Protein backbone atom coordinates (compact mmCIF):
# COMPACT_ATOMS: atom_id res chain seq x y z
CA MET A 1 0.00 0.00 0.00
CA ARG A 2 0.88 3.66 -0.26
CA VAL A 3 0.61 5.04 3.28
CA LEU A 4 1.06 8.54 4.64
CA VAL A 5 1.70 9.08 8.37
CA THR A 6 1.27 12.49 9.94
CA GLY A 7 3.47 12.78 13.01
CA GLY A 8 5.51 9.90 11.64
CA ALA A 9 8.77 11.14 13.15
CA GLY A 10 7.24 11.09 16.63
CA PHE A 11 7.40 8.49 19.37
CA ILE A 12 4.42 6.38 18.30
CA GLY A 13 4.50 7.39 14.65
CA SER A 14 8.07 6.25 14.06
CA HIS A 15 7.29 2.80 15.46
CA LEU A 16 4.28 2.62 13.15
CA VAL A 17 6.42 3.69 10.17
CA ASP A 18 8.89 0.89 10.94
CA ALA A 19 6.06 -1.66 10.94
CA LEU A 20 4.69 -0.36 7.63
CA LEU A 21 8.11 -0.53 5.99
CA GLU A 22 8.64 -4.03 7.32
CA ARG A 23 5.52 -5.26 5.56
CA GLY A 24 6.57 -3.58 2.30
CA ASP A 25 4.45 -0.44 2.19
CA THR A 26 5.54 2.77 0.49
CA VAL A 27 5.57 5.36 3.28
CA THR A 28 5.39 9.15 3.27
CA VAL A 29 5.82 11.07 6.52
CA VAL A 30 4.59 14.57 7.32
CA ASP A 31 5.96 16.01 10.56
CA ASP A 32 6.79 19.56 11.63
CA LEU A 33 9.50 18.22 13.98
CA SER A 34 8.13 20.18 16.94
CA THR A 35 8.52 16.97 18.92
CA GLY A 36 9.51 14.50 16.20
CA ARG A 37 13.05 13.52 15.29
CA CYS A 38 14.35 12.79 11.78
CA GLY A 39 16.79 10.29 13.26
CA ARG A 40 13.91 7.96 14.04
CA LEU A 41 13.11 7.47 10.35
CA ALA A 42 14.57 5.04 7.84
CA VAL A 43 16.08 6.40 4.64
CA ARG A 44 13.36 4.67 2.61
CA VAL A 45 10.76 7.13 3.88
CA ALA A 46 9.69 10.16 1.84
CA PHE A 47 9.85 12.87 4.49
CA HIS A 48 8.21 16.31 4.45
CA GLN A 49 8.82 18.79 7.24
CA GLU A 50 5.45 20.47 7.29
CA SER A 51 2.67 21.27 9.74
CA ILE A 52 -0.83 19.88 9.34
CA THR A 53 -2.07 23.40 10.12
CA ASP A 54 -0.96 24.46 6.62
CA GLY A 55 -3.85 23.04 4.61
CA LYS A 56 -2.49 24.00 1.18
CA ALA A 57 0.94 22.51 1.78
CA LEU A 58 -0.56 19.33 3.22
CA ALA A 59 -2.97 18.98 0.29
CA ALA A 60 -0.08 19.28 -2.17
CA ILE A 61 1.92 16.58 -0.37
CA VAL A 62 -1.08 14.23 -0.27
CA ALA A 63 -1.90 14.90 -3.93
CA ASP A 64 1.66 13.99 -4.89
CA ALA A 65 1.91 10.88 -2.68
CA ARG A 66 -1.63 9.68 -3.45
CA PRO A 67 -1.83 7.41 -0.39
CA ASP A 68 -4.40 4.67 -0.04
CA LEU A 69 -4.35 5.16 3.71
CA ILE A 70 -3.48 8.03 6.05
CA TYR A 71 -2.57 7.43 9.67
CA HIS A 72 -3.17 10.74 11.41
CA LEU A 73 -1.00 10.95 14.53
CA ALA A 74 0.26 14.54 14.36
CA ALA A 75 -1.02 16.43 17.40
CA GLN A 76 -0.40 18.86 20.21
CA ALA A 77 -0.44 16.20 22.92
CA ASP A 78 0.54 17.97 26.14
CA VAL A 79 -2.37 18.55 28.53
CA ARG A 80 -0.56 21.40 30.31
CA THR A 81 0.15 23.17 27.02
CA SER A 82 -3.50 22.88 26.03
CA VAL A 83 -4.55 24.56 29.30
CA ALA A 84 -2.06 27.36 28.76
CA ASP A 85 -2.90 27.82 25.06
CA ALA A 86 -6.32 26.42 24.22
CA SER A 87 -6.43 28.31 20.92
CA GLY A 88 -3.13 26.85 19.73
CA ASP A 89 -4.19 23.38 20.82
CA THR A 90 -7.43 23.73 18.84
CA GLY A 91 -5.55 24.95 15.79
CA VAL A 92 -3.47 21.78 15.64
CA ASN A 93 -5.88 19.15 16.94
CA VAL A 94 -9.12 20.35 15.34
CA LEU A 95 -8.28 22.47 12.32
CA GLY A 96 -5.26 20.32 11.52
CA THR A 97 -7.48 17.23 11.52
CA VAL A 98 -9.94 18.93 9.18
CA ASN A 99 -7.03 19.66 6.84
CA VAL A 100 -6.06 15.98 6.91
CA LEU A 101 -9.65 14.90 6.19
CA GLU A 102 -9.94 17.34 3.30
CA ALA A 103 -6.63 16.25 1.78
CA ALA A 104 -7.66 12.60 2.13
CA ARG A 105 -10.97 13.30 0.44
CA THR A 106 -9.29 14.66 -2.68
CA VAL A 107 -7.41 11.39 -3.28
CA GLY A 108 -9.93 8.94 -1.84
CA ALA A 109 -7.71 7.88 1.07
CA ARG A 110 -9.02 6.31 4.26
CA VAL A 111 -7.98 7.92 7.55
CA VAL A 112 -7.18 6.21 10.86
CA PHE A 113 -7.14 8.91 13.52
CA ALA A 114 -5.21 8.74 16.80
CA SER A 115 -7.46 10.21 19.48
CA THR A 116 -7.25 10.02 23.25
CA GLY A 117 -9.02 7.83 25.74
CA GLY A 118 -7.34 8.95 28.93
CA ALA A 119 -8.16 12.65 28.48
CA LEU A 120 -11.59 12.28 26.94
CA TYR A 121 -14.03 10.41 29.19
CA GLY A 122 -14.01 12.54 32.33
CA ALA A 123 -14.44 12.04 36.04
CA ILE A 124 -17.98 10.64 36.00
CA SER A 125 -17.26 7.81 33.56
CA ALA A 126 -17.26 4.19 34.66
CA ILE A 127 -13.80 2.64 35.08
CA PRO A 128 -12.79 1.10 32.76
CA SER A 129 -14.58 3.45 30.36
CA PRO A 130 -16.41 2.01 27.31
CA GLU A 131 -16.57 3.83 23.99
CA ASP A 132 -20.21 4.82 24.52
CA ALA A 133 -19.46 6.63 27.80
CA ARG A 134 -20.32 10.33 27.63
CA PRO A 135 -17.15 12.35 27.05
CA GLU A 136 -16.50 15.07 29.62
CA PRO A 137 -12.87 16.08 29.10
CA ALA A 138 -11.14 17.99 31.87
CA ALA A 139 -8.74 19.91 29.61
CA PRO A 140 -8.77 21.61 26.18
CA TYR A 141 -6.66 18.75 24.78
CA GLY A 142 -9.40 16.19 25.41
CA ALA A 143 -12.09 18.59 24.16
CA ALA A 144 -10.17 19.23 20.94
CA LYS A 145 -9.61 15.54 20.30
CA TYR A 146 -13.30 14.84 20.80
CA CYS A 147 -14.19 17.69 18.44
CA ALA A 148 -11.81 16.20 15.86
CA GLU A 149 -13.55 12.84 16.29
CA GLN A 150 -16.84 14.54 15.44
CA TYR A 151 -15.35 15.81 12.19
CA VAL A 152 -14.20 12.28 11.38
CA ALA A 153 -17.75 11.04 11.95
CA LEU A 154 -19.18 13.94 9.94
CA TYR A 155 -17.01 13.14 6.93
CA ASN A 156 -18.12 9.51 7.15
CA ARG A 157 -21.77 10.61 7.04
CA LEU A 158 -21.30 13.35 4.47
CA TYR A 159 -19.01 11.59 2.02
CA GLY A 160 -19.53 7.90 2.74
CA THR A 161 -15.95 7.40 3.89
CA ALA A 162 -14.83 4.72 6.34
CA HIS A 163 -12.47 6.67 8.56
CA ALA A 164 -11.68 5.14 11.95
CA VAL A 165 -10.77 6.45 15.41
CA LEU A 166 -8.46 4.86 17.98
CA ARG A 167 -8.76 6.24 21.50
CA LEU A 168 -5.36 5.59 23.01
CA GLY A 169 -4.46 5.07 26.64
CA ASN A 170 -1.15 6.34 28.04
CA VAL A 171 1.33 4.96 25.54
CA TYR A 172 4.91 4.29 26.67
CA GLY A 173 8.04 2.58 25.42
CA PRO A 174 11.36 3.16 23.64
CA ARG A 175 11.82 6.50 21.82
CA GLN A 176 9.50 8.35 24.18
CA ASP A 177 10.94 11.71 25.12
CA PRO A 178 11.21 12.28 28.88
CA ALA A 179 8.83 15.25 28.89
CA GLY A 180 5.11 15.74 29.35
CA GLU A 181 2.47 13.97 31.43
CA ALA A 182 1.99 11.19 28.92
CA GLY A 183 5.72 10.51 29.15
CA VAL A 184 5.75 9.79 32.88
CA VAL A 185 7.33 6.35 32.37
CA SER A 186 10.19 7.90 30.41
CA ILE A 187 10.49 10.79 32.88
CA PHE A 188 10.76 8.48 35.89
CA CYS A 189 13.23 6.18 34.13
CA GLY A 190 15.37 9.15 33.22
CA ASN A 191 15.20 10.47 36.79
CA LEU A 192 16.43 7.20 38.24
CA LEU A 193 19.21 6.85 35.70
CA SER A 194 20.47 10.37 36.43
CA GLY A 195 20.12 10.08 40.20
CA ARG A 196 17.30 12.61 40.53
CA ARG A 197 14.23 12.19 42.73
CA PRO A 198 11.06 11.83 40.63
CA THR A 199 8.35 14.47 41.11
CA ILE A 200 4.78 13.29 41.65
CA PHE A 201 2.08 15.88 41.05
CA GLY A 202 -0.74 15.29 43.53
CA ASP A 203 -0.87 12.39 45.95
CA GLY A 204 0.26 9.75 43.46
CA LYS A 205 -3.00 7.82 43.76
CA GLN A 206 -4.26 9.03 40.39
CA THR A 207 -4.48 6.18 37.89
CA ARG A 208 -3.86 5.70 34.19
CA ASP A 209 -4.07 2.91 31.63
CA TYR A 210 -0.49 2.34 30.42
CA VAL A 211 -0.22 0.55 27.08
CA TYR A 212 3.04 -0.46 25.37
CA VAL A 213 3.87 1.17 22.05
CA ALA A 214 4.31 -2.09 20.09
CA ASP A 215 0.80 -3.15 21.10
CA VAL A 216 -0.54 0.22 19.94
CA VAL A 217 1.15 -0.22 16.55
CA GLU A 218 -0.60 -3.58 16.18
CA ALA A 219 -3.89 -1.83 16.91
CA PHE A 220 -3.27 0.69 14.13
CA LEU A 221 -2.54 -2.12 11.70
CA ALA A 222 -5.64 -4.01 12.84
CA ALA A 223 -7.85 -0.94 12.37
CA ALA A 224 -6.59 -0.56 8.82
CA GLU A 225 -7.16 -4.25 8.14
CA HIS A 226 -10.71 -3.95 9.48
CA GLY A 227 -11.47 -1.54 6.64
CA GLY A 228 -14.58 0.02 8.17
CA ALA A 229 -15.52 3.02 10.26
CA GLY A 230 -15.43 2.65 14.01
CA VAL A 231 -14.25 4.00 17.35
CA TRP A 232 -12.06 1.73 19.47
CA ASN A 233 -10.38 2.10 22.85
CA ILE A 234 -6.77 0.96 22.81
CA GLY A 235 -5.42 0.20 26.27
CA THR A 236 -5.13 -2.62 28.76
CA GLY A 237 -8.33 -2.15 30.75
CA THR A 238 -6.21 -1.91 33.90
CA SER A 239 -5.71 1.09 36.19
CA THR A 240 -2.22 1.70 37.57
CA SER A 241 -1.52 4.48 40.05
CA ILE A 242 1.50 6.74 39.78
CA LEU A 243 2.82 5.27 43.03
CA GLU A 244 2.43 1.72 41.70
CA LEU A 245 4.10 2.74 38.44
CA LEU A 246 7.06 4.18 40.31
CA GLU A 247 7.39 0.96 42.31
CA VAL A 248 7.67 -1.05 39.08
CA ILE A 249 10.26 1.33 37.65
CA ALA A 250 12.25 1.30 40.91
CA ALA A 251 12.23 -2.51 40.85
CA THR A 252 13.44 -2.46 37.24
CA ALA A 253 16.25 -0.08 38.20
CA ASP A 254 16.96 -2.09 41.36
CA ARG A 255 17.13 0.96 43.58
CA ALA A 256 15.12 2.64 46.34
CA VAL A 257 13.25 5.79 45.39
CA GLN A 258 11.89 8.68 47.43
CA PRO A 259 9.72 10.88 45.25
CA VAL A 260 9.11 14.60 45.66
CA PHE A 261 5.44 15.55 45.90
CA ALA A 262 4.10 18.72 44.25
CA ALA A 263 0.68 20.29 43.75
CA ALA A 264 -1.69 18.56 41.33
CA ARG A 265 -1.78 20.08 37.85
CA LEU A 266 -4.81 21.81 36.39
CA GLY A 267 -6.80 19.84 33.82
CA GLU A 268 -5.56 16.38 34.73
CA LEU A 269 -8.04 13.58 35.32
CA GLN A 270 -7.85 11.67 38.59
CA HIS A 271 -8.63 8.18 37.28
CA SER A 272 -8.60 6.55 33.86
CA ALA A 273 -8.73 3.08 32.31
CA LEU A 274 -10.19 1.95 29.01
CA ASP A 275 -12.66 -0.83 28.33
CA VAL A 276 -11.11 -2.66 25.37
CA THR A 277 -13.84 -5.25 24.86
CA ARG A 278 -14.90 -3.78 21.52
CA ALA A 279 -11.36 -3.78 20.12
CA GLY A 280 -11.01 -7.43 21.10
CA ARG A 281 -14.29 -8.37 19.47
CA GLU A 282 -14.11 -6.26 16.27
CA LEU A 283 -10.37 -5.91 15.66
CA ASN A 284 -9.23 -9.16 17.26
CA TRP A 285 -6.78 -7.01 19.17
CA THR A 286 -5.57 -7.12 22.75
CA ALA A 287 -2.57 -5.62 24.52
CA ARG A 288 -0.01 -8.39 25.03
CA THR A 289 2.84 -6.66 26.86
CA ALA A 290 2.82 -6.76 30.66
CA LEU A 291 3.65 -3.48 32.39
CA ALA A 292 6.87 -4.75 34.00
CA GLU A 293 8.07 -6.14 30.67
CA GLY A 294 7.34 -2.93 28.79
CA ILE A 295 8.96 -0.76 31.44
CA ALA A 296 12.07 -2.92 31.35
CA ARG A 297 12.36 -2.30 27.61
CA ALA A 298 11.78 1.44 28.01
CA TYR A 299 14.34 1.64 30.82
CA GLN A 300 16.91 -0.29 28.81
CA TRP A 301 16.43 2.03 25.83
CA ILE A 302 16.92 5.18 27.89
CA ARG A 303 19.96 3.63 29.57
CA ASP A 304 21.42 2.86 26.15
CA GLN A 305 20.94 6.54 25.23
CA ASP A 306 23.15 7.52 28.20
CA GLY A 307 20.33 8.93 30.30
CA CYS A 308 17.24 11.01 29.83
CA ASP A 309 18.48 13.69 27.43
CA VAL A 310 17.69 11.77 24.26
CA GLU A 311 17.07 12.96 20.72
CA ALA A 312 16.67 9.64 18.90
């Protein structure tokens, strides 16, 4: 297939690109390199440094590449940044998604959109949260992602497309930069490797659904193979607290840890886990990597990069 990946030089996107190349696809990557790294990409990739917020430039790239499938992963993904700059977050996550949908429409490409599960469902949702739970995001990031999902659904109704949405849990693994809330595994690993005390915002009892990046890549491939429209949670269905997560990382590093506690951050949900029953039934997908195993791989990767200041 001819496949285009927005955000393909990013943490998740670069792993997805590797999987696409391995199966023989022709891959084009669009990434503005705000958080992506060219060093993550193989030389066989056609790379364009461009932002999805530039609709004309994106349309020209898509028209030239003529992909059969577009994986849309490019995003402003930091909850704190979205609180500080809701307009900028909307520009990337909503208007940028509309640009992707429009470009895809001109060449007849199907879109698989990377949304969020952890930031979307809200405090009143059942845990683990099913896809039909009412979204009540606590931050502009979650609101923008949900708005983008509505545009995906609108295009499916309006144009008869079969675009799909994956609502991701907290993805972790090798190549994750040690910055941002979603990168807490990488941050803590980097802290331990450099001898710094990890900072926990809040009491550490807040929970997330941590899913390993290789499992997420398999979900993207499964959604494309499915061929139809749909919304699927991609996680483990298990809640892990920050304190429990730190215990696993400390055991991996084989050292005692005393965290520093700081005030909770605005816009962050207290508890989150995703019901993945639908993905198992319709995509034949389930997360296979245990948390301790995935953390060991992430820790080893950061250690191989000589600490937490990584660019790869």
